[in-house]
Amino acid sequence: MTTSWSDRLQNYADLPANMDGMAMKKYRREAHHRVFVNRSLAMEKIKCFGFDMDYTLAVYKSPEYESLGFELTVARLVSIGYPQELSSFVYDPTFPTRGLVFDTTYGNLLKVDTYGNILVCAHGFNFMRGEMYPNKFIQRGDMDRFYILNTLFNLPETYLFACLVDFFSNCSRYKSCEKGFKDGDLFMSYKSMFQDVRDTVDWVHIKAKLPLLLSRMNEVAKVFLATNSDYKYTQKIMTYLFDFPHGPKVMPWQSYFDLILVDARKPLFFGEGTVLRQVDTVTGRLKIGTYTGPLHHGIVYSGGSSDIVCDLLGAKGKDIVYIGDHIFGDILKSKKRQGWRTFLVIPELAQELHVWTDKSGEGSHVQYLHILCVYMNLDSSSNERPDISTIQCRIKKITHDMDMCYGMMGSLFRSGSRQTLFASQVMRYADLYASSFINLLYYPFSYLFRAAHVLVGHLFECVYNFSEEVIVAYLGTTMKRRRRRRRRSRLEKGRCDFKWCMLREEKMG
């Protein structure tokens, strides 16, 4: 006899409040299939799902895609007068990570936390101790000086900044200065170099589970696409994504969306927006005049705004989940200006989870070192100052070893025990996040994504028993066990009298 879901849930609901001695195992999906939650979201209340295209629906092959962008950018720099030696640069995917900050005054790449405290400082490929920043702090609000490299499209230029600074700092033809470099009477500032790279990047820029997920979404809600790419590029990418020569019958990619918007110009799209125009899908040209009619399935539009999306789909901000990879253009603006629910796609999360799982033993060891009882029984009257240098060295070594598993710049989310600026932005603006939006396929559309409780210090200790007394008791027990193991070892080696040790064991209980 089988038991229905409702009966099984009722059985759980009838369990007594006091469940001492009873343990319920929490079900978790595989790490690479999971969606992580910052703010609770009830899927059954969502009326519309919105998608970005680049790095969201279309996941470009990495690092080949970034390497191509790097090569094209270098070629453009050489063509406008930069040294021919730059052509020998080869993209190294192990160096750059998202969320770094480029200091256009001193040419440094900085990894900072949410408050602007510097975690890592690199001048080219030379890692520095932060002599240029005596307070180890930057004003993140100074946007003219500090440029945040937050997107996946920024990875090639992040590495290029390091390459250029390293090249000009070490090439004998150039004299390195504090804020740039000189070639005879010519001076090139890091700010000028930065602007050249940004202008060059702007000049250069021009599979079966996907239709399954979109089809299931269409059964419970409306689906729309809003991309900054133009129609011709979108047409080629989307046609490729939905072309399955060995799969089911091919359907036009437009059939999966209730509304399609190209040339969206995000983040302007989430504010005043631009004129909504209809695209001629045969020629790719825009039709004259502003589109003012109702929503028609299969028609492609250009421009528009988030307000127009809400009007055409008949939805309010809280009814919409927007899925994208750009923490500023997709997530922050849609959250702050429209109140849309947000799903951030972080492809690097797959590697982060792999490293964290693989190195979980080192992480546990760091936690153990942090709670060693060096300050046990000490208070304000104590003159004794315990020596913690050995413990600090061990913590630094383990932390550094773990950071290097992610790449030369460390984890996208942490530097040691401190969160990066990128991590704080994810927590602040993304309701949900995952390595791929396809992970939604592993959850029912009636699912409630429940955020973890955020506890202040005293409640955290009460709930999780992380009080000083518990830690001391744990450590005391651990030390006793170690002493017993050492005594057993001495017994086996015949280094002490057997009877004497047995008596000592009995006295110790």
Protein backbone atom coordinates (compact mmCIF):
# COMPACT_ATOMS: atom_id res chain seq x y z
CA MET A 1 0.00 0.00 0.00
CA THR A 2 1.46 3.37 -1.03
CA THR A 3 1.20 6.53 1.02
CA SER A 4 0.18 9.80 -0.63
CA TRP A 5 2.22 12.96 -0.25
CA SER A 6 -0.54 14.61 1.78
CA ASP A 7 -0.65 11.66 4.21
CA ARG A 8 3.11 11.68 4.62
CA LEU A 9 3.11 15.43 5.28
CA GLN A 10 0.31 15.01 7.81
CA ASN A 11 2.35 12.35 9.58
CA TYR A 12 5.23 14.81 9.91
CA ALA A 13 2.86 17.56 11.07
CA ASP A 14 1.52 15.29 13.86
CA LEU A 15 4.97 14.72 15.35
CA PRO A 16 5.30 16.01 18.94
CA ALA A 17 6.98 19.36 19.56
CA ASN A 18 9.49 17.75 21.95
CA MET A 19 11.44 15.29 19.81
CA ASP A 20 14.33 14.42 22.12
CA GLY A 21 16.06 11.34 20.83
CA MET A 22 14.41 11.61 17.41
CA ALA A 23 16.41 12.78 14.39
CA MET A 24 14.96 13.81 11.05
CA LYS A 25 17.41 13.76 8.18
CA LYS A 26 17.25 16.91 6.06
CA TYR A 27 17.00 16.23 2.34
CA ARG A 28 19.45 18.14 0.17
CA ARG A 29 19.87 18.03 -3.58
CA GLU A 30 23.31 17.49 -5.06
CA ALA A 31 25.43 20.60 -4.59
CA HIS A 32 25.70 21.40 -8.32
CA HIS A 33 21.88 21.12 -8.69
CA ARG A 34 21.00 23.37 -5.77
CA VAL A 35 19.52 26.86 -5.73
CA PHE A 36 20.73 28.96 -2.79
CA VAL A 37 18.50 31.40 -0.94
CA ASN A 38 19.10 34.88 0.49
CA ARG A 39 15.42 35.88 0.78
CA SER A 40 12.41 33.62 0.89
CA LEU A 41 10.50 33.22 -2.37
CA ALA A 42 7.29 31.27 -3.03
CA MET A 43 7.41 29.96 -6.59
CA GLU A 44 3.64 29.47 -6.79
CA LYS A 45 3.15 33.25 -6.47
CA ILE A 46 5.36 34.06 -9.46
CA LYS A 47 3.47 35.07 -12.63
CA CYS A 48 6.41 35.87 -14.93
CA PHE A 49 9.95 34.62 -15.48
CA GLY A 50 12.36 36.99 -17.24
CA PHE A 51 15.71 36.05 -18.76
CA ASP A 52 18.89 37.76 -19.86
CA MET A 53 20.66 36.02 -22.76
CA ASP A 54 24.46 36.42 -22.50
CA TYR A 55 25.98 34.13 -19.84
CA THR A 56 22.46 33.18 -18.69
CA LEU A 57 20.53 31.41 -21.44
CA ALA A 58 23.67 31.34 -23.57
CA VAL A 59 26.57 29.98 -21.51
CA TYR A 60 29.70 30.64 -23.55
CA LYS A 61 32.47 28.08 -23.63
CA SER A 62 35.08 29.14 -21.08
CA PRO A 63 37.94 29.96 -21.20
CA GLU A 64 37.87 29.88 -25.02
CA TYR A 65 35.36 32.74 -25.21
CA GLU A 66 37.34 34.95 -22.81
CA SER A 67 40.58 34.06 -24.62
CA LEU A 68 39.08 35.20 -27.95
CA GLY A 69 37.93 38.48 -26.41
CA PHE A 70 41.40 38.98 -24.92
CA GLU A 71 43.13 38.40 -28.27
CA LEU A 72 40.80 40.79 -30.13
CA THR A 73 41.30 43.49 -27.50
CA VAL A 74 45.10 43.16 -27.63
CA ALA A 75 45.05 43.30 -31.44
CA ARG A 76 43.01 46.50 -31.30
CA LEU A 77 45.42 48.10 -28.78
CA VAL A 78 48.39 47.29 -31.04
CA SER A 79 46.56 48.78 -34.03
CA ILE A 80 46.08 52.12 -32.19
CA GLY A 81 49.77 52.42 -31.28
CA TYR A 82 50.55 50.18 -28.30
CA PRO A 83 53.83 48.15 -28.47
CA GLN A 84 53.92 45.19 -30.84
CA GLU A 85 55.21 42.99 -27.98
CA LEU A 86 51.68 42.92 -26.58
CA SER A 87 50.77 40.45 -29.33
CA SER A 88 52.67 37.74 -27.42
CA PHE A 89 50.27 37.98 -24.45
CA VAL A 90 48.29 34.77 -23.83
CA TYR A 91 45.16 34.73 -21.69
CA ASP A 92 45.56 32.87 -18.36
CA PRO A 93 42.17 31.95 -16.84
CA THR A 94 43.70 31.12 -13.43
CA PHE A 95 44.50 34.77 -12.64
CA PRO A 96 41.36 36.91 -12.98
CA THR A 97 38.25 36.62 -10.85
CA ARG A 98 35.10 38.70 -10.82
CA GLY A 99 34.56 41.51 -8.33
CA LEU A 100 38.07 43.00 -8.40
CA VAL A 101 38.53 46.78 -8.33
CA PHE A 102 41.00 48.59 -10.63
CA ASP A 103 42.67 51.66 -9.13
CA THR A 104 43.11 53.95 -12.14
CA THR A 105 45.50 56.21 -10.21
CA TYR A 106 48.13 53.63 -9.22
CA GLY A 107 47.32 50.82 -11.67
CA ASN A 108 46.57 48.24 -8.97
CA LEU A 109 44.04 45.42 -8.96
CA LEU A 110 42.35 45.23 -5.56
CA LYS A 111 40.22 42.62 -3.89
CA VAL A 112 38.12 44.36 -1.23
CA ASP A 113 35.40 43.48 1.23
CA THR A 114 31.97 45.09 1.47
CA TYR A 115 33.33 48.05 3.49
CA GLY A 116 36.25 48.83 1.16
CA ASN A 117 38.93 47.14 3.27
CA ILE A 118 41.70 45.78 1.04
CA LEU A 119 42.10 42.00 1.12
CA VAL A 120 44.54 41.52 -1.81
CA CYS A 121 46.59 44.08 -3.77
CA ALA A 122 48.39 43.28 -7.06
CA HIS A 123 50.49 45.62 -9.21
CA GLY A 124 50.69 43.70 -12.45
CA PHE A 125 51.53 40.19 -11.27
CA ASN A 126 53.40 41.42 -8.20
CA PHE A 127 51.35 40.96 -5.03
CA MET A 128 51.94 43.85 -2.63
CA ARG A 129 51.38 44.50 1.06
CA GLY A 130 49.43 47.71 0.46
CA GLU A 131 52.09 50.39 1.01
CA MET A 132 50.10 52.77 -1.21
CA TYR A 133 47.09 52.33 1.05
CA PRO A 134 48.32 52.98 4.62
CA ASN A 135 44.82 52.49 6.06
CA LYS A 136 44.28 49.35 3.92
CA PHE A 137 41.02 50.96 2.87
CA ILE A 138 39.51 52.61 -0.24
CA GLN A 139 36.50 54.85 -0.78
CA ARG A 140 34.34 52.71 -3.05
CA GLY A 141 32.15 55.73 -3.76
CA ASP A 142 35.00 57.37 -5.71
CA MET A 143 33.81 56.00 -9.06
CA ASP A 144 36.18 58.24 -11.07
CA ARG A 145 39.17 56.49 -9.53
CA PHE A 146 37.97 52.95 -8.75
CA TYR A 147 36.36 50.77 -11.42
CA ILE A 148 34.60 47.57 -10.33
CA LEU A 149 35.12 44.61 -12.68
CA ASN A 150 31.95 42.75 -11.77
CA THR A 151 30.84 40.87 -14.89
CA LEU A 152 32.02 37.77 -16.71
CA PHE A 153 32.71 40.01 -19.72
CA ASN A 154 35.27 41.82 -17.51
CA LEU A 155 37.50 38.74 -17.05
CA PRO A 156 39.65 39.31 -20.19
CA GLU A 157 40.23 43.01 -19.43
CA THR A 158 41.02 42.21 -15.78
CA TYR A 159 43.88 40.01 -16.95
CA LEU A 160 44.85 42.56 -19.61
CA PHE A 161 45.22 45.32 -16.98
CA ALA A 162 47.64 43.09 -15.07
CA CYS A 163 49.55 42.25 -18.27
CA LEU A 164 49.92 45.89 -19.30
CA VAL A 165 51.05 47.10 -15.87
CA ASP A 166 53.53 44.22 -15.62
CA PHE A 167 54.87 44.86 -19.14
CA PHE A 168 55.43 48.61 -18.73
CA SER A 169 56.87 48.17 -15.22
CA ASN A 170 59.51 45.66 -16.36
CA CYS A 171 60.33 46.80 -19.91
CA SER A 172 63.69 48.63 -20.04
CA ARG A 173 62.41 51.12 -22.64
CA TYR A 174 59.97 52.61 -20.15
CA LYS A 175 60.54 54.33 -16.84
CA SER A 176 58.02 53.35 -14.19
CA CYS A 177 56.44 56.22 -12.24
CA GLU A 178 54.06 56.28 -9.31
CA LYS A 179 51.00 57.01 -11.45
CA GLY A 180 52.10 55.68 -14.84
CA PHE A 181 55.21 55.30 -16.98
CA LYS A 182 57.42 57.42 -19.26
CA ASP A 183 58.95 56.83 -22.69
CA GLY A 184 61.39 59.69 -23.13
CA ASP A 185 59.33 62.88 -22.95
CA LEU A 186 56.04 61.02 -23.30
CA PHE A 187 54.03 60.16 -20.19
CA MET A 188 51.18 57.59 -20.08
CA SER A 189 49.11 57.54 -16.89
CA TYR A 190 47.40 54.41 -15.63
CA LYS A 191 44.11 56.27 -15.96
CA SER A 192 44.78 56.91 -19.65
CA MET A 193 45.77 53.26 -20.17
CA PHE A 194 42.59 52.17 -18.40
CA GLN A 195 40.44 54.34 -20.68
CA ASP A 196 42.16 52.94 -23.78
CA VAL A 197 41.38 49.38 -22.67
CA ARG A 198 37.75 50.25 -21.85
CA ASP A 199 37.26 51.95 -25.23
CA THR A 200 38.86 48.98 -26.99
CA VAL A 201 36.66 46.44 -25.20
CA ASP A 202 33.56 48.42 -26.20
CA TRP A 203 34.80 48.42 -29.81
CA VAL A 204 35.41 44.65 -29.87
CA HIS A 205 32.08 43.51 -28.41
CA ILE A 206 29.71 43.16 -30.83
CA LYS A 207 21.59 22.25 -24.40
CA ALA A 208 18.27 19.84 -24.33
CA LYS A 209 17.26 20.92 -20.78
CA LEU A 210 16.71 24.52 -21.90
CA PRO A 211 13.48 24.01 -23.90
CA LEU A 212 12.24 21.53 -21.27
CA LEU A 213 12.53 24.09 -18.46
CA LEU A 214 11.02 26.91 -20.55
CA SER A 215 8.11 24.67 -21.56
CA ARG A 216 7.39 23.85 -17.91
CA MET A 217 7.63 27.54 -17.01
CA ASN A 218 5.13 28.36 -19.76
CA GLU A 219 2.64 25.99 -18.14
CA VAL A 220 2.55 28.00 -14.88
CA ALA A 221 3.64 31.53 -15.84
CA LYS A 222 4.62 33.88 -18.65
CA VAL A 223 8.20 33.95 -19.90
CA PHE A 224 10.05 36.89 -21.46
CA LEU A 225 13.53 37.65 -22.79
CA ALA A 226 15.25 41.02 -22.27
CA THR A 227 18.76 41.30 -23.70
CA ASN A 228 21.10 44.15 -24.56
CA SER A 229 22.20 42.35 -27.74
CA ASP A 230 20.76 43.39 -31.10
CA TYR A 231 18.30 41.25 -33.03
CA LYS A 232 20.71 39.70 -35.55
CA TYR A 233 23.10 38.53 -32.83
CA THR A 234 20.22 37.31 -30.65
CA GLN A 235 18.70 35.43 -33.59
CA LYS A 236 21.93 33.55 -34.30
CA ILE A 237 22.64 32.68 -30.66
CA MET A 238 19.08 31.60 -29.83
CA THR A 239 18.71 29.58 -33.04
CA TYR A 240 21.89 27.71 -32.14
CA LEU A 241 20.70 27.08 -28.55
CA PHE A 242 17.42 25.53 -29.69
CA ASP A 243 18.83 23.48 -32.57
CA PHE A 244 18.76 19.79 -31.54
CA PRO A 245 19.52 17.63 -34.60
CA HIS A 246 19.22 14.40 -32.62
CA GLY A 247 16.48 15.48 -30.22
CA PRO A 248 12.77 16.21 -30.42
CA LYS A 249 11.10 18.18 -33.19
CA VAL A 250 12.68 21.60 -33.46
CA MET A 251 10.41 24.53 -32.53
CA PRO A 252 11.22 28.17 -33.30
CA TRP A 253 12.99 29.73 -30.33
CA GLN A 254 10.46 32.59 -30.35
CA SER A 255 7.68 30.13 -29.45
CA TYR A 256 9.10 29.67 -25.93
CA PHE A 257 8.66 33.35 -24.99
CA ASP A 258 5.57 35.49 -24.49
CA LEU A 259 7.62 38.68 -24.91
CA ILE A 260 11.00 39.25 -26.59
CA LEU A 261 12.98 42.47 -26.13
CA VAL A 262 16.34 43.17 -27.80
CA ASP A 263 18.52 46.31 -27.52
CA ALA A 264 17.17 46.70 -23.98
CA ARG A 265 20.05 48.98 -22.88
CA LYS A 266 20.09 47.74 -19.29
CA PRO A 267 20.43 49.23 -16.69
CA LEU A 268 18.65 52.20 -18.38
CA PHE A 269 15.89 49.69 -19.14
CA PHE A 270 14.97 49.56 -15.44
CA GLY A 271 14.60 53.35 -15.26
CA GLU A 272 13.22 55.64 -17.93
CA GLY A 273 14.01 53.12 -20.67
CA THR A 274 13.88 53.86 -24.39
CA VAL A 275 11.25 53.95 -27.13
CA LEU A 276 9.56 50.58 -27.77
CA ARG A 277 9.78 49.67 -31.46
CA GLN A 278 8.90 46.56 -33.43
CA VAL A 279 11.61 44.57 -35.22
CA ASP A 280 11.19 43.30 -38.77
CA THR A 281 12.36 39.70 -38.23
CA VAL A 282 13.06 39.24 -41.97
CA THR A 283 15.43 42.18 -42.46
CA GLY A 284 16.39 42.79 -38.82
CA ARG A 285 15.54 46.47 -39.18
CA LEU A 286 13.37 48.50 -36.83
CA LYS A 287 9.94 49.61 -37.96
CA ILE A 288 9.21 53.33 -37.89
CA GLY A 289 7.31 54.75 -34.94
CA THR A 290 6.63 53.76 -31.34
CA TYR A 291 4.77 50.50 -30.74
CA THR A 292 1.58 51.17 -28.74
CA GLY A 293 -0.46 48.04 -29.41
CA PRO A 294 -1.17 44.99 -27.23
CA LEU A 295 1.20 42.08 -26.69
CA HIS A 296 1.42 39.64 -29.62
CA HIS A 297 3.11 36.27 -29.27
CA GLY A 298 6.15 35.82 -31.52
CA ILE A 299 6.74 39.51 -32.22
CA VAL A 300 10.20 40.85 -31.39
CA TYR A 301 10.51 44.32 -29.88
CA SER A 302 13.46 46.68 -29.49
CA GLY A 303 14.08 48.95 -26.50
CA GLY A 304 11.30 49.56 -24.00
CA SER A 305 11.47 49.60 -20.22
CA SER A 306 10.60 47.49 -17.20
CA ASP A 307 7.37 49.48 -16.77
CA ILE A 308 6.34 48.54 -20.32
CA VAL A 309 7.09 44.88 -19.53
CA CYS A 310 4.78 45.00 -16.51
CA ASP A 311 2.01 46.65 -18.57
CA LEU A 312 2.26 44.21 -21.49
CA LEU A 313 2.38 41.13 -19.24
CA GLY A 314 -0.17 42.42 -16.72
CA ALA A 315 2.11 41.86 -13.75
CA LYS A 316 3.49 43.79 -10.79
CA GLY A 317 7.11 43.90 -9.67
CA LYS A 318 6.79 41.28 -6.94
CA ASP A 319 5.17 38.87 -9.44
CA ILE A 320 8.29 38.73 -11.63
CA VAL A 321 11.51 36.75 -11.20
CA TYR A 322 14.30 38.11 -13.38
CA ILE A 323 17.20 35.77 -14.09
CA GLY A 324 20.57 37.20 -15.12
CA ASP A 325 24.34 37.14 -14.57
CA HIS A 326 25.12 40.87 -14.32
CA ILE A 327 24.98 41.89 -10.67
CA PHE A 328 24.57 45.59 -11.55
CA GLY A 329 22.78 45.64 -14.91
CA ASP A 330 20.42 42.72 -14.23
CA ILE A 331 20.08 42.23 -10.48
CA LEU A 332 20.72 45.45 -8.56
CA LYS A 333 18.67 47.77 -10.79
CA SER A 334 15.73 45.39 -11.23
CA LYS A 335 15.62 44.93 -7.45
CA LYS A 336 16.02 48.58 -6.38
CA ARG A 337 13.94 50.33 -9.04
CA GLN A 338 11.18 47.82 -9.76
CA GLY A 339 11.05 45.42 -6.83
CA TRP A 340 11.41 42.43 -9.13
CA ARG A 341 12.49 39.19 -7.48
CA THR A 342 15.98 38.27 -8.61
CA PHE A 343 17.87 35.10 -9.54
CA LEU A 344 21.62 35.58 -10.07
CA VAL A 345 23.50 33.10 -12.26
CA ILE A 346 27.08 32.60 -11.00
CA PRO A 347 28.88 30.05 -13.22
CA GLU A 348 31.96 30.15 -10.95
CA LEU A 349 29.84 28.73 -8.14
CA ALA A 350 30.33 25.19 -9.49
CA GLN A 351 34.10 25.44 -8.97
CA GLU A 352 33.65 27.16 -5.60
CA LEU A 353 31.43 24.32 -4.35
CA HIS A 354 33.86 21.71 -5.65
CA VAL A 355 36.82 23.27 -3.83
CA TRP A 356 34.87 23.85 -0.63
CA THR A 357 33.62 20.25 -0.59
CA ASP A 358 37.02 18.82 -1.47
CA LYS A 359 38.81 20.93 1.18
CA SER A 360 36.16 20.71 3.91
CA GLY A 361 38.69 19.03 6.22
CA GLU A 362 40.99 22.07 6.08
CA GLY A 363 38.01 24.34 6.75
CA SER A 364 37.08 22.35 9.84
CA HIS A 365 40.69 22.49 11.04
CA VAL A 366 40.69 26.30 10.76
CA GLN A 367 37.51 26.45 12.86
CA TYR A 368 39.16 24.20 15.44
CA LEU A 369 42.23 26.45 15.60
CA HIS A 370 40.00 29.50 16.11
CA ILE A 371 38.45 28.01 19.27
CA LEU A 372 41.62 26.71 20.92
CA CYS A 373 41.42 27.66 24.60
CA VAL A 374 44.38 30.07 24.76
CA TYR A 375 42.23 32.62 26.60
CA MET A 376 40.59 30.10 28.95
CA ASN A 377 40.06 31.44 32.50
CA LEU A 378 41.52 34.86 31.62
CA ASP A 379 39.69 38.10 32.41
CA SER A 380 40.47 41.84 32.69
CA SER A 381 42.57 41.29 35.83
CA SER A 382 44.94 38.87 34.06
CA ASN A 383 48.43 40.11 33.28
CA GLU A 384 49.30 36.91 31.47
CA ARG A 385 49.42 37.24 27.69
CA PRO A 386 49.23 33.87 25.92
CA ASP A 387 51.45 33.24 22.90
CA ILE A 388 49.14 32.66 19.92
CA SER A 389 51.75 33.16 17.18
CA THR A 390 51.96 29.43 16.37
CA ILE A 391 48.19 29.16 16.02
CA GLN A 392 48.07 32.31 13.85
CA CYS A 393 50.76 30.93 11.54
CA ARG A 394 48.86 27.66 11.12
CA ILE A 395 45.62 29.51 10.38
CA LYS A 396 47.36 31.73 7.77
CA LYS A 397 48.98 28.75 6.05
CA ILE A 398 45.78 26.70 5.81
CA THR A 399 43.80 29.76 4.66
CA HIS A 400 46.40 30.57 1.97
CA ASP A 401 46.47 26.97 0.75
CA MET A 402 42.67 26.96 0.42
CA ASP A 403 42.64 30.34 -1.37
CA MET A 404 45.17 29.11 -3.93
CA CYS A 405 42.84 26.21 -4.83
CA TYR A 406 40.49 28.78 -6.41
CA GLY A 407 43.13 30.61 -8.47
CA MET A 408 45.79 33.27 -8.04
CA MET A 409 43.28 35.82 -6.72
CA GLY A 410 41.55 33.33 -4.43
CA SER A 411 37.84 32.73 -3.98
CA LEU A 412 35.19 34.89 -5.63
CA PHE A 413 33.31 35.06 -2.32
CA ARG A 414 35.93 35.11 0.44
CA SER A 415 39.47 36.00 1.34
CA GLY A 416 40.27 33.94 4.40
CA SER A 417 37.38 34.43 6.79
CA ARG A 418 36.24 37.74 5.27
CA GLN A 419 33.61 38.21 2.58
CA THR A 420 34.46 39.99 -0.65
CA LEU A 421 32.57 42.95 -2.06
CA PHE A 422 31.06 40.63 -4.69
CA ALA A 423 29.75 38.25 -2.01
CA SER A 424 28.11 41.09 -0.08
CA GLN A 425 26.40 42.31 -3.27
CA VAL A 426 25.11 38.80 -3.96
CA MET A 427 23.66 38.59 -0.46
CA ARG A 428 22.14 42.05 -0.66
CA TYR A 429 20.52 42.03 -4.10
CA ALA A 430 20.02 38.40 -5.23
CA ASP A 431 17.00 36.63 -3.75
CA LEU A 432 18.18 33.33 -5.25
CA TYR A 433 21.45 32.31 -6.87
CA ALA A 434 22.91 29.20 -8.49
CA SER A 435 25.60 28.11 -10.93
CA SER A 436 22.94 27.83 -13.67
CA PHE A 437 19.28 28.75 -14.06
CA ILE A 438 18.76 25.13 -15.22
CA ASN A 439 18.88 24.19 -11.52
CA LEU A 440 15.25 25.38 -11.31
CA LEU A 441 14.43 22.21 -13.23
CA TYR A 442 15.12 20.19 -10.07
CA TYR A 443 12.46 22.01 -8.00
CA PRO A 444 8.65 21.95 -8.30
CA PHE A 445 6.98 25.23 -9.24
CA SER A 446 5.08 25.10 -5.95
CA TYR A 447 8.35 25.17 -4.01
CA LEU A 448 8.99 27.63 -1.19
CA PHE A 449 12.60 28.78 -1.15
CA ARG A 450 13.07 29.53 2.53
CA ALA A 451 15.95 31.76 3.64
CA ALA A 452 17.98 30.77 6.68
CA HIS A 453 17.28 32.66 9.90
CA VAL A 454 19.67 35.53 10.53
CA LEU A 455 20.61 35.52 14.21
CA VAL A 456 22.31 38.18 16.30
CA GLY A 457 25.28 37.10 18.42
CA HIS A 458 23.54 36.04 21.65
CA LEU A 459 20.84 34.05 19.81
CA PHE A 460 23.44 32.38 17.61
CA GLU A 461 25.24 31.08 20.70
CA CYS A 462 21.98 29.99 22.36
CA VAL A 463 20.71 28.10 19.31
CA TYR A 464 23.97 26.46 18.29
CA ASN A 465 25.51 26.06 21.77
CA PHE A 466 28.66 27.88 20.75
CA SER A 467 29.12 29.25 24.26
CA GLU A 468 32.50 29.50 25.91
CA GLU A 469 31.57 26.82 28.43
CA VAL A 470 30.67 24.30 25.72
CA ILE A 471 33.89 25.00 23.82
CA VAL A 472 35.97 24.61 26.96
CA ALA A 473 34.20 21.38 27.87
CA TYR A 474 34.78 20.06 24.35
CA LEU A 475 38.44 21.00 24.40
CA GLY A 476 38.90 19.57 27.89
CA THR A 477 37.44 16.25 26.75
CA THR A 478 39.61 16.32 23.64
CA MET A 479 42.76 16.94 25.67
CA LYS A 480 41.94 14.05 28.02
CA ARG A 481 41.49 11.75 25.05
CA ARG A 482 44.84 12.84 23.64
CA ARG A 483 46.60 12.15 26.96
CA ARG A 484 45.05 8.69 27.07
CA ARG A 485 46.16 7.96 23.51
CA ARG A 486 49.71 9.04 24.35
CA ARG A 487 49.77 6.79 27.41
CA ARG A 488 48.52 3.84 25.37
CA SER A 489 51.25 4.55 22.84
CA ARG A 490 53.90 4.49 25.55
CA LEU A 491 52.51 1.20 26.83
CA GLU A 492 52.81 -0.37 23.40
CA LYS A 493 56.40 0.79 23.06
CA GLY A 494 57.36 -0.44 26.52
CA ARG A 495 58.52 2.99 27.67
CA CYS A 496 56.85 2.92 31.08
CA ASP A 497 55.81 0.51 33.76
CA PHE A 498 52.61 -1.38 32.86
CA LYS A 499 51.13 -1.61 36.35
CA TRP A 500 51.83 2.01 37.16
CA CYS A 501 50.06 3.18 34.02
CA MET A 502 47.04 0.96 34.67
CA LEU A 503 46.69 2.45 38.15
CA ARG A 504 46.87 5.93 36.66
CA GLU A 505 44.18 5.00 34.11
CA GLU A 506 41.88 3.82 36.90
CA LYS A 507 42.39 7.03 38.88
CA MET A 508 41.66 9.10 35.79
CA GLY A 509 38.37 7.24 35.43
